[in-house]
Amino acid sequence: MKQVVYHIQIIGTMASSKFIPNFKMNNVIRINWEKHLLQKHYAFLEIKTNGNTLFCKGYCQPSDYSIQYVYKLIYNPNQSPAVYTVNPKIPYNEEIHMYPQDNRLCLYYPKDYSWTSASHLYNTIIPWTHEWFLYYELFQICGKWMHPSVSHAGTKNLL
């Protein structure tokens, strides 16, 4: 029986960084990549960039019986994305998920890592924003925030 021996040459650059996602890319490249992904997936968004910041205006109508909500998204790769209601302006209410400092929408719980610096806006923040408006409408009807949540005071509402 003849034995076959295979020689494997390992080249140092074989497993180079081109095969490993690099999430510490240049901020301008990151912003333009996010802009491209948003434009590809959502025709209803108005998107602009300015240096290291992406500005986005979107529209949401949770149901045929709903009003149309207008929101703005501001994203800088060095910070968490911020989403605000534009029209109608929704005032802060401690029972709904908004940050009291600036009335940003509270879209995720930072400690569960559902959003990280490696996340994309098109498959996280935009769908979560539309979901937030749906739950806001349910709040208008029921008087209670129906989405599972953690209050800003630290208590859980897991319905």
N, C-alpha and C. Protein backbone atom coordinates (compact mmCIF):
# COMPACT_ATOMS: atom_id res chain seq x y z
N MET A 1 0.85 -1.16 0.00
CA MET A 1 0.00 0.00 0.00
C MET A 1 0.89 1.23 0.00
N LYS A 2 0.62 2.09 -0.93
CA LYS A 2 1.41 3.29 -1.07
C LYS A 2 0.83 4.38 -0.17
N GLN A 3 1.69 5.02 0.56
CA GLN A 3 1.25 6.07 1.45
C GLN A 3 1.45 7.42 0.77
N VAL A 4 0.40 8.23 0.79
CA VAL A 4 0.47 9.56 0.20
C VAL A 4 0.64 10.56 1.33
N VAL A 5 1.60 11.40 1.16
CA VAL A 5 1.85 12.43 2.17
C VAL A 5 1.55 13.78 1.53
N TYR A 6 0.69 14.53 2.20
CA TYR A 6 0.36 15.87 1.73
C TYR A 6 1.15 16.87 2.55
N HIS A 7 1.72 17.80 1.87
CA HIS A 7 2.44 18.87 2.55
C HIS A 7 1.59 20.13 2.45
N ILE A 8 1.33 20.71 3.57
CA ILE A 8 0.55 21.94 3.60
C ILE A 8 1.49 23.07 3.99
N GLN A 9 1.57 24.02 3.11
CA GLN A 9 2.41 25.17 3.40
C GLN A 9 1.52 26.25 3.99
N ILE A 10 1.85 26.68 5.17
CA ILE A 10 1.08 27.74 5.82
C ILE A 10 1.77 29.05 5.55
N ILE A 11 1.03 29.92 4.95
CA ILE A 11 1.55 31.24 4.62
C ILE A 11 0.97 32.22 5.63
N GLY A 12 1.82 33.01 6.20
CA GLY A 12 1.40 33.96 7.24
C GLY A 12 0.27 34.87 6.84
N THR A 13 0.20 35.25 5.60
CA THR A 13 -0.85 36.18 5.18
C THR A 13 -2.12 35.46 4.75
N MET A 14 -2.13 34.15 4.79
CA MET A 14 -3.30 33.38 4.35
C MET A 14 -4.55 33.78 5.12
N ALA A 15 -4.43 33.92 6.42
CA ALA A 15 -5.58 34.31 7.24
C ALA A 15 -5.48 35.79 7.55
N SER A 16 -5.26 36.56 6.52
CA SER A 16 -5.07 37.99 6.71
C SER A 16 -6.39 38.66 7.10
N SER A 17 -6.31 39.91 7.39
CA SER A 17 -7.47 40.65 7.85
C SER A 17 -8.57 40.76 6.79
N LYS A 18 -8.28 40.47 5.53
CA LYS A 18 -9.34 40.56 4.53
C LYS A 18 -10.43 39.49 4.76
N PHE A 19 -10.14 38.47 5.54
CA PHE A 19 -11.14 37.44 5.85
C PHE A 19 -11.81 37.69 7.20
N ILE A 20 -11.29 38.60 7.95
CA ILE A 20 -11.84 38.91 9.27
C ILE A 20 -12.47 40.29 9.19
N PRO A 21 -13.76 40.40 9.53
CA PRO A 21 -14.40 41.71 9.45
C PRO A 21 -13.68 42.73 10.32
N ASN A 22 -13.47 43.88 9.76
CA ASN A 22 -12.80 44.95 10.48
C ASN A 22 -13.82 46.02 10.78
N PHE A 23 -14.24 46.11 12.03
CA PHE A 23 -15.26 47.07 12.42
C PHE A 23 -14.64 48.39 12.89
N LYS A 24 -13.34 48.50 12.85
CA LYS A 24 -12.69 49.74 13.24
C LYS A 24 -12.26 50.50 12.00
N MET A 25 -13.14 50.52 11.00
CA MET A 25 -12.80 51.20 9.76
C MET A 25 -12.89 52.71 9.94
N ASN A 26 -12.30 53.41 9.03
CA ASN A 26 -12.34 54.86 8.99
C ASN A 26 -13.78 55.33 9.11
N ASN A 27 -14.02 56.35 9.92
CA ASN A 27 -15.39 56.82 10.16
C ASN A 27 -16.11 57.29 8.91
N VAL A 28 -15.40 57.96 8.02
CA VAL A 28 -16.04 58.43 6.78
C VAL A 28 -16.45 57.25 5.91
N ILE A 29 -15.62 56.23 5.85
CA ILE A 29 -15.97 55.02 5.09
C ILE A 29 -17.16 54.34 5.75
N ARG A 30 -17.15 54.25 7.06
CA ARG A 30 -18.27 53.63 7.80
C ARG A 30 -19.58 54.37 7.52
N ILE A 31 -19.54 55.70 7.58
CA ILE A 31 -20.74 56.50 7.33
C ILE A 31 -21.26 56.26 5.91
N ASN A 32 -20.37 56.25 4.94
CA ASN A 32 -20.79 56.03 3.56
C ASN A 32 -21.31 54.61 3.34
N TRP A 33 -20.75 53.65 4.04
CA TRP A 33 -21.24 52.27 3.96
C TRP A 33 -22.65 52.18 4.54
N GLU A 34 -22.86 52.81 5.69
CA GLU A 34 -24.20 52.82 6.31
C GLU A 34 -25.19 53.53 5.38
N LYS A 35 -24.78 54.63 4.77
CA LYS A 35 -25.65 55.35 3.84
C LYS A 35 -26.04 54.44 2.67
N HIS A 36 -25.07 53.74 2.12
CA HIS A 36 -25.35 52.82 1.01
C HIS A 36 -26.36 51.74 1.44
N LEU A 37 -26.16 51.14 2.60
CA LEU A 37 -27.07 50.08 3.06
C LEU A 37 -28.47 50.62 3.29
N LEU A 38 -28.58 51.81 3.86
CA LEU A 38 -29.90 52.41 4.09
C LEU A 38 -30.59 52.70 2.76
N GLN A 39 -29.87 53.27 1.80
CA GLN A 39 -30.46 53.56 0.49
C GLN A 39 -30.89 52.29 -0.23
N LYS A 40 -30.11 51.24 -0.08
CA LYS A 40 -30.41 49.97 -0.73
C LYS A 40 -31.70 49.35 -0.18
N HIS A 41 -31.93 49.50 1.13
CA HIS A 41 -33.06 48.81 1.76
C HIS A 41 -34.31 49.67 1.97
N TYR A 42 -34.15 50.99 1.99
CA TYR A 42 -35.29 51.85 2.32
C TYR A 42 -35.36 53.06 1.40
N ALA A 43 -36.24 53.01 0.43
CA ALA A 43 -36.40 54.11 -0.51
C ALA A 43 -37.05 55.34 0.13
N PHE A 44 -37.77 55.16 1.22
CA PHE A 44 -38.49 56.27 1.85
C PHE A 44 -37.61 57.17 2.72
N LEU A 45 -36.36 56.80 2.91
CA LEU A 45 -35.47 57.60 3.76
C LEU A 45 -34.78 58.69 2.96
N GLU A 46 -34.65 59.86 3.57
CA GLU A 46 -33.83 60.93 3.02
C GLU A 46 -32.52 60.90 3.82
N ILE A 47 -31.41 60.73 3.14
CA ILE A 47 -30.14 60.51 3.83
C ILE A 47 -29.09 61.50 3.34
N LYS A 48 -28.40 62.10 4.30
CA LYS A 48 -27.31 63.01 3.98
C LYS A 48 -26.15 62.69 4.92
N THR A 49 -24.96 63.01 4.47
CA THR A 49 -23.79 62.86 5.32
C THR A 49 -23.06 64.18 5.38
N ASN A 50 -22.37 64.37 6.49
CA ASN A 50 -21.52 65.54 6.65
C ASN A 50 -20.34 65.09 7.49
N GLY A 51 -19.22 64.83 6.83
CA GLY A 51 -18.03 64.37 7.54
C GLY A 51 -18.28 63.03 8.21
N ASN A 52 -18.16 62.99 9.53
CA ASN A 52 -18.33 61.75 10.30
C ASN A 52 -19.76 61.52 10.77
N THR A 53 -20.72 62.26 10.24
CA THR A 53 -22.09 62.15 10.73
C THR A 53 -23.05 61.87 9.59
N LEU A 54 -23.99 60.97 9.86
CA LEU A 54 -25.06 60.64 8.93
C LEU A 54 -26.35 61.21 9.50
N PHE A 55 -27.12 61.88 8.64
CA PHE A 55 -28.41 62.43 9.01
C PHE A 55 -29.47 61.76 8.15
N CYS A 56 -30.52 61.33 8.78
CA CYS A 56 -31.54 60.57 8.07
C CYS A 56 -32.91 61.06 8.52
N LYS A 57 -33.82 61.23 7.57
CA LYS A 57 -35.20 61.58 7.88
C LYS A 57 -36.07 60.46 7.35
N GLY A 58 -36.95 59.96 8.20
CA GLY A 58 -37.80 58.84 7.80
C GLY A 58 -39.25 59.07 8.15
N TYR A 59 -40.08 58.22 7.61
CA TYR A 59 -41.52 58.30 7.80
C TYR A 59 -42.03 56.94 8.23
N CYS A 60 -43.02 56.95 9.09
CA CYS A 60 -43.58 55.69 9.57
C CYS A 60 -45.08 55.85 9.77
N GLN A 61 -45.84 54.90 9.26
CA GLN A 61 -47.27 54.84 9.49
C GLN A 61 -47.58 53.40 9.89
N PRO A 62 -47.68 53.15 11.22
CA PRO A 62 -47.82 51.78 11.70
C PRO A 62 -49.02 51.01 11.17
N SER A 63 -50.12 51.71 10.88
CA SER A 63 -51.30 51.03 10.34
C SER A 63 -52.03 51.98 9.39
N ASP A 64 -53.03 51.44 8.71
CA ASP A 64 -53.83 52.28 7.81
C ASP A 64 -54.59 53.36 8.57
N TYR A 65 -54.81 53.15 9.86
CA TYR A 65 -55.56 54.09 10.68
C TYR A 65 -54.66 55.06 11.44
N SER A 66 -53.38 54.92 11.27
CA SER A 66 -52.41 55.74 11.99
C SER A 66 -52.13 57.04 11.25
N ILE A 67 -51.63 58.00 12.02
CA ILE A 67 -51.07 59.18 11.39
C ILE A 67 -49.68 58.81 10.88
N GLN A 68 -49.12 59.67 10.07
CA GLN A 68 -47.74 59.43 9.61
C GLN A 68 -46.80 60.15 10.57
N TYR A 69 -45.85 59.41 11.08
CA TYR A 69 -44.83 59.96 11.97
C TYR A 69 -43.58 60.27 11.16
N VAL A 70 -42.97 61.38 11.47
CA VAL A 70 -41.70 61.76 10.84
C VAL A 70 -40.65 61.74 11.94
N TYR A 71 -39.53 61.12 11.65
CA TYR A 71 -38.45 61.04 12.63
C TYR A 71 -37.12 61.38 11.98
N LYS A 72 -36.16 61.71 12.82
CA LYS A 72 -34.80 61.93 12.31
C LYS A 72 -33.83 61.06 13.09
N LEU A 73 -32.84 60.60 12.37
CA LEU A 73 -31.78 59.76 12.92
C LEU A 73 -30.47 60.50 12.72
N ILE A 74 -29.69 60.57 13.78
CA ILE A 74 -28.35 61.16 13.70
C ILE A 74 -27.38 60.09 14.17
N TYR A 75 -26.40 59.80 13.31
CA TYR A 75 -25.45 58.72 13.63
C TYR A 75 -24.02 59.17 13.37
N ASN A 76 -23.22 58.99 14.39
CA ASN A 76 -21.77 59.18 14.32
C ASN A 76 -21.18 57.88 14.85
N PRO A 77 -20.25 57.25 14.13
CA PRO A 77 -19.72 55.96 14.57
C PRO A 77 -19.09 55.96 15.97
N ASN A 78 -18.76 57.12 16.49
CA ASN A 78 -18.18 57.20 17.82
C ASN A 78 -19.23 57.31 18.93
N GLN A 79 -20.50 57.31 18.55
CA GLN A 79 -21.59 57.46 19.51
C GLN A 79 -22.73 56.51 19.14
N SER A 80 -23.66 56.35 20.07
CA SER A 80 -24.86 55.56 19.77
C SER A 80 -25.76 56.36 18.84
N PRO A 81 -26.49 55.69 17.95
CA PRO A 81 -27.43 56.41 17.08
C PRO A 81 -28.50 57.09 17.93
N ALA A 82 -28.95 58.24 17.49
CA ALA A 82 -30.00 58.98 18.20
C ALA A 82 -31.17 59.19 17.25
N VAL A 83 -32.37 58.82 17.70
CA VAL A 83 -33.58 58.98 16.89
C VAL A 83 -34.54 59.88 17.66
N TYR A 84 -35.09 60.87 16.95
CA TYR A 84 -36.00 61.85 17.54
C TYR A 84 -37.26 61.93 16.71
N THR A 85 -38.39 62.21 17.35
CA THR A 85 -39.61 62.47 16.61
C THR A 85 -39.56 63.91 16.11
N VAL A 86 -40.02 64.11 14.88
CA VAL A 86 -40.04 65.45 14.28
C VAL A 86 -41.48 65.94 14.19
N ASN A 87 -42.37 65.06 13.67
CA ASN A 87 -43.76 65.44 13.52
C ASN A 87 -44.64 64.21 13.68
N PRO A 88 -45.54 64.17 14.61
CA PRO A 88 -45.71 65.18 15.63
C PRO A 88 -44.59 65.09 16.67
N LYS A 89 -44.32 66.21 17.31
CA LYS A 89 -43.35 66.19 18.42
C LYS A 89 -44.01 65.42 19.55
N ILE A 90 -43.35 64.40 20.03
CA ILE A 90 -43.89 63.62 21.15
C ILE A 90 -43.15 64.06 22.39
N PRO A 91 -43.85 64.67 23.34
CA PRO A 91 -43.18 65.15 24.55
C PRO A 91 -42.74 63.98 25.42
N TYR A 92 -41.74 64.22 26.24
CA TYR A 92 -41.26 63.18 27.14
C TYR A 92 -42.37 62.75 28.08
N ASN A 93 -42.44 61.47 28.29
CA ASN A 93 -43.38 60.87 29.24
C ASN A 93 -42.63 59.72 29.87
N GLU A 94 -42.54 59.69 31.18
CA GLU A 94 -41.74 58.64 31.83
C GLU A 94 -42.30 57.24 31.62
N GLU A 95 -43.55 57.13 31.16
CA GLU A 95 -44.14 55.82 30.93
C GLU A 95 -43.79 55.23 29.57
N ILE A 96 -43.34 56.05 28.65
CA ILE A 96 -42.94 55.53 27.34
C ILE A 96 -41.42 55.59 27.24
N HIS A 97 -40.88 54.91 26.31
CA HIS A 97 -39.43 54.78 26.24
C HIS A 97 -38.77 55.88 25.43
N MET A 98 -38.46 56.93 26.18
CA MET A 98 -37.72 58.07 25.66
C MET A 98 -36.71 58.47 26.74
N TYR A 99 -35.63 59.07 26.31
CA TYR A 99 -34.66 59.56 27.28
C TYR A 99 -35.06 60.96 27.73
N PRO A 100 -35.11 61.19 29.04
CA PRO A 100 -35.58 62.50 29.53
C PRO A 100 -34.65 63.66 29.19
N GLN A 101 -33.38 63.38 28.96
CA GLN A 101 -32.42 64.46 28.70
C GLN A 101 -32.72 65.20 27.40
N ASP A 102 -33.13 64.48 26.35
CA ASP A 102 -33.28 65.12 25.04
C ASP A 102 -34.44 64.56 24.21
N ASN A 103 -35.28 63.74 24.81
CA ASN A 103 -36.45 63.13 24.14
C ASN A 103 -36.09 62.18 23.01
N ARG A 104 -34.85 61.62 23.04
CA ARG A 104 -34.49 60.57 22.08
C ARG A 104 -35.36 59.35 22.35
N LEU A 105 -35.64 58.59 21.30
CA LEU A 105 -36.36 57.34 21.50
C LEU A 105 -35.42 56.32 22.12
N CYS A 106 -35.93 55.56 23.05
CA CYS A 106 -35.16 54.47 23.66
C CYS A 106 -35.51 53.21 22.87
N LEU A 107 -34.56 52.76 22.06
CA LEU A 107 -34.84 51.68 21.11
C LEU A 107 -34.23 50.35 21.52
N TYR A 108 -33.29 50.33 22.43
CA TYR A 108 -32.64 49.08 22.83
C TYR A 108 -32.04 49.26 24.21
N TYR A 109 -31.78 48.14 24.84
CA TYR A 109 -31.18 48.13 26.17
C TYR A 109 -29.67 47.96 25.99
N PRO A 110 -28.89 48.98 26.29
CA PRO A 110 -27.44 48.92 26.02
C PRO A 110 -26.72 47.72 26.64
N LYS A 111 -27.17 47.26 27.78
CA LYS A 111 -26.46 46.17 28.46
C LYS A 111 -26.69 44.81 27.82
N ASP A 112 -27.65 44.67 26.90
CA ASP A 112 -27.83 43.36 26.25
C ASP A 112 -27.08 43.26 24.93
N TYR A 113 -26.36 44.30 24.56
CA TYR A 113 -25.53 44.32 23.35
C TYR A 113 -26.31 44.05 22.07
N SER A 114 -27.59 44.42 22.04
CA SER A 114 -28.35 44.28 20.79
C SER A 114 -27.86 45.30 19.77
N TRP A 115 -27.27 46.40 20.21
CA TRP A 115 -26.60 47.36 19.34
C TRP A 115 -25.15 47.45 19.78
N THR A 116 -24.24 47.31 18.84
CA THR A 116 -22.81 47.48 19.12
C THR A 116 -22.23 48.35 18.01
N SER A 117 -20.99 48.71 18.13
CA SER A 117 -20.35 49.53 17.10
C SER A 117 -20.23 48.76 15.77
N ALA A 118 -20.43 47.44 15.81
CA ALA A 118 -20.38 46.63 14.58
C ALA A 118 -21.76 46.46 13.94
N SER A 119 -22.80 46.97 14.58
CA SER A 119 -24.16 46.84 14.05
C SER A 119 -24.39 47.79 12.88
N HIS A 120 -25.39 47.46 12.07
CA HIS A 120 -25.79 48.32 10.96
C HIS A 120 -27.13 48.96 11.27
N LEU A 121 -27.33 50.14 10.79
CA LEU A 121 -28.57 50.88 11.04
C LEU A 121 -29.77 50.26 10.33
N TYR A 122 -29.55 49.75 9.13
CA TYR A 122 -30.67 49.29 8.31
C TYR A 122 -31.40 48.08 8.91
N ASN A 123 -30.69 47.23 9.65
CA ASN A 123 -31.36 46.04 10.19
C ASN A 123 -31.52 46.08 11.70
N THR A 124 -31.27 47.22 12.30
CA THR A 124 -31.48 47.38 13.75
C THR A 124 -32.28 48.65 14.01
N ILE A 125 -31.64 49.78 13.93
CA ILE A 125 -32.23 51.05 14.35
C ILE A 125 -33.48 51.42 13.56
N ILE A 126 -33.47 51.26 12.26
CA ILE A 126 -34.66 51.62 11.47
C ILE A 126 -35.84 50.71 11.80
N PRO A 127 -35.70 49.38 11.79
CA PRO A 127 -36.85 48.55 12.18
C PRO A 127 -37.28 48.79 13.63
N TRP A 128 -36.33 49.01 14.53
CA TRP A 128 -36.67 49.27 15.93
C TRP A 128 -37.43 50.58 16.07
N THR A 129 -37.10 51.57 15.25
CA THR A 129 -37.81 52.85 15.29
C THR A 129 -39.26 52.66 14.87
N HIS A 130 -39.47 51.89 13.81
CA HIS A 130 -40.84 51.64 13.34
C HIS A 130 -41.62 50.83 14.37
N GLU A 131 -40.97 49.90 15.01
CA GLU A 131 -41.61 49.14 16.07
C GLU A 131 -41.96 50.05 17.24
N TRP A 132 -41.08 50.99 17.56
CA TRP A 132 -41.34 51.92 18.66
C TRP A 132 -42.63 52.68 18.40
N PHE A 133 -42.84 53.16 17.16
CA PHE A 133 -44.06 53.90 16.83
C PHE A 133 -45.30 53.03 16.95
N LEU A 134 -45.19 51.77 16.60
CA LEU A 134 -46.32 50.84 16.79
C LEU A 134 -46.67 50.74 18.28
N TYR A 135 -45.67 50.56 19.12
CA TYR A 135 -45.93 50.47 20.55
C TYR A 135 -46.37 51.81 21.14
N TYR A 136 -45.94 52.89 20.54
CA TYR A 136 -46.42 54.20 20.99
C TYR A 136 -47.93 54.32 20.72
N GLU A 137 -48.36 53.84 19.57
CA GLU A 137 -49.80 53.87 19.28
C GLU A 137 -50.58 52.97 20.23
N LEU A 138 -50.03 51.82 20.54
CA LEU A 138 -50.69 50.95 21.54
C LEU A 138 -50.76 51.65 22.89
N PHE A 139 -49.72 52.39 23.23
CA PHE A 139 -49.72 53.16 24.48
C PHE A 139 -50.84 54.20 24.45
N GLN A 140 -51.03 54.83 23.30
CA GLN A 140 -52.10 55.83 23.17
C GLN A 140 -53.47 55.19 23.44
N ILE A 141 -53.64 53.95 23.02
CA ILE A 141 -54.91 53.25 23.19
C ILE A 141 -55.07 52.69 24.60
N CYS A 142 -54.03 52.01 25.10
CA CYS A 142 -54.11 51.28 26.36
C CYS A 142 -53.65 52.08 27.58
N GLY A 143 -52.82 53.08 27.36
CA GLY A 143 -52.28 53.83 28.49
C GLY A 143 -51.13 53.13 29.18
N LYS A 144 -50.60 52.07 28.54
CA LYS A 144 -49.50 51.31 29.12
C LYS A 144 -48.52 50.95 28.01
N TRP A 145 -47.22 51.03 28.35
CA TRP A 145 -46.19 50.64 27.38
C TRP A 145 -46.18 49.12 27.31
N MET A 146 -46.57 48.56 26.16
CA MET A 146 -46.79 47.12 26.03
C MET A 146 -45.54 46.33 25.65
N HIS A 147 -44.52 46.98 25.15
CA HIS A 147 -43.31 46.28 24.72
C HIS A 147 -42.48 45.87 25.94
N PRO A 148 -41.92 44.67 25.96
CA PRO A 148 -41.02 44.30 27.06
C PRO A 148 -39.90 45.33 27.16
N SER A 149 -39.59 45.72 28.38
CA SER A 149 -38.64 46.81 28.53
C SER A 149 -37.98 46.80 29.90
N VAL A 150 -36.96 47.60 30.00
CA VAL A 150 -36.32 47.89 31.27
C VAL A 150 -36.46 49.39 31.46
N SER A 151 -37.04 49.80 32.57
CA SER A 151 -37.25 51.24 32.78
C SER A 151 -35.91 51.93 32.98
N HIS A 152 -35.93 53.22 32.79
CA HIS A 152 -34.70 53.99 33.00
C HIS A 152 -34.34 54.05 34.47
N ALA A 153 -35.27 53.66 35.34
CA ALA A 153 -34.99 53.57 36.77
C ALA A 153 -34.42 52.20 37.13
N GLY A 154 -34.39 51.27 36.15
CA GLY A 154 -33.79 49.96 36.38
C GLY A 154 -34.76 48.83 36.65
N THR A 155 -36.06 49.08 36.68
CA THR A 155 -37.02 48.01 36.90
C THR A 155 -37.46 47.41 35.57
N LYS A 156 -37.72 46.12 35.55
CA LYS A 156 -38.06 45.43 34.30
C LYS A 156 -39.56 45.34 34.10
N ASN A 157 -39.99 45.47 32.85
CA ASN A 157 -41.36 45.25 32.42
C ASN A 157 -41.28 44.20 31.32
N LEU A 158 -41.46 42.96 31.68
CA LEU A 158 -41.28 41.87 30.70
C LEU A 158 -42.60 41.26 30.24
N LEU A 159 -43.70 41.89 30.54
CA LEU A 159 -45.03 41.42 30.11
C LEU A 159 -45.09 39.95 29.87
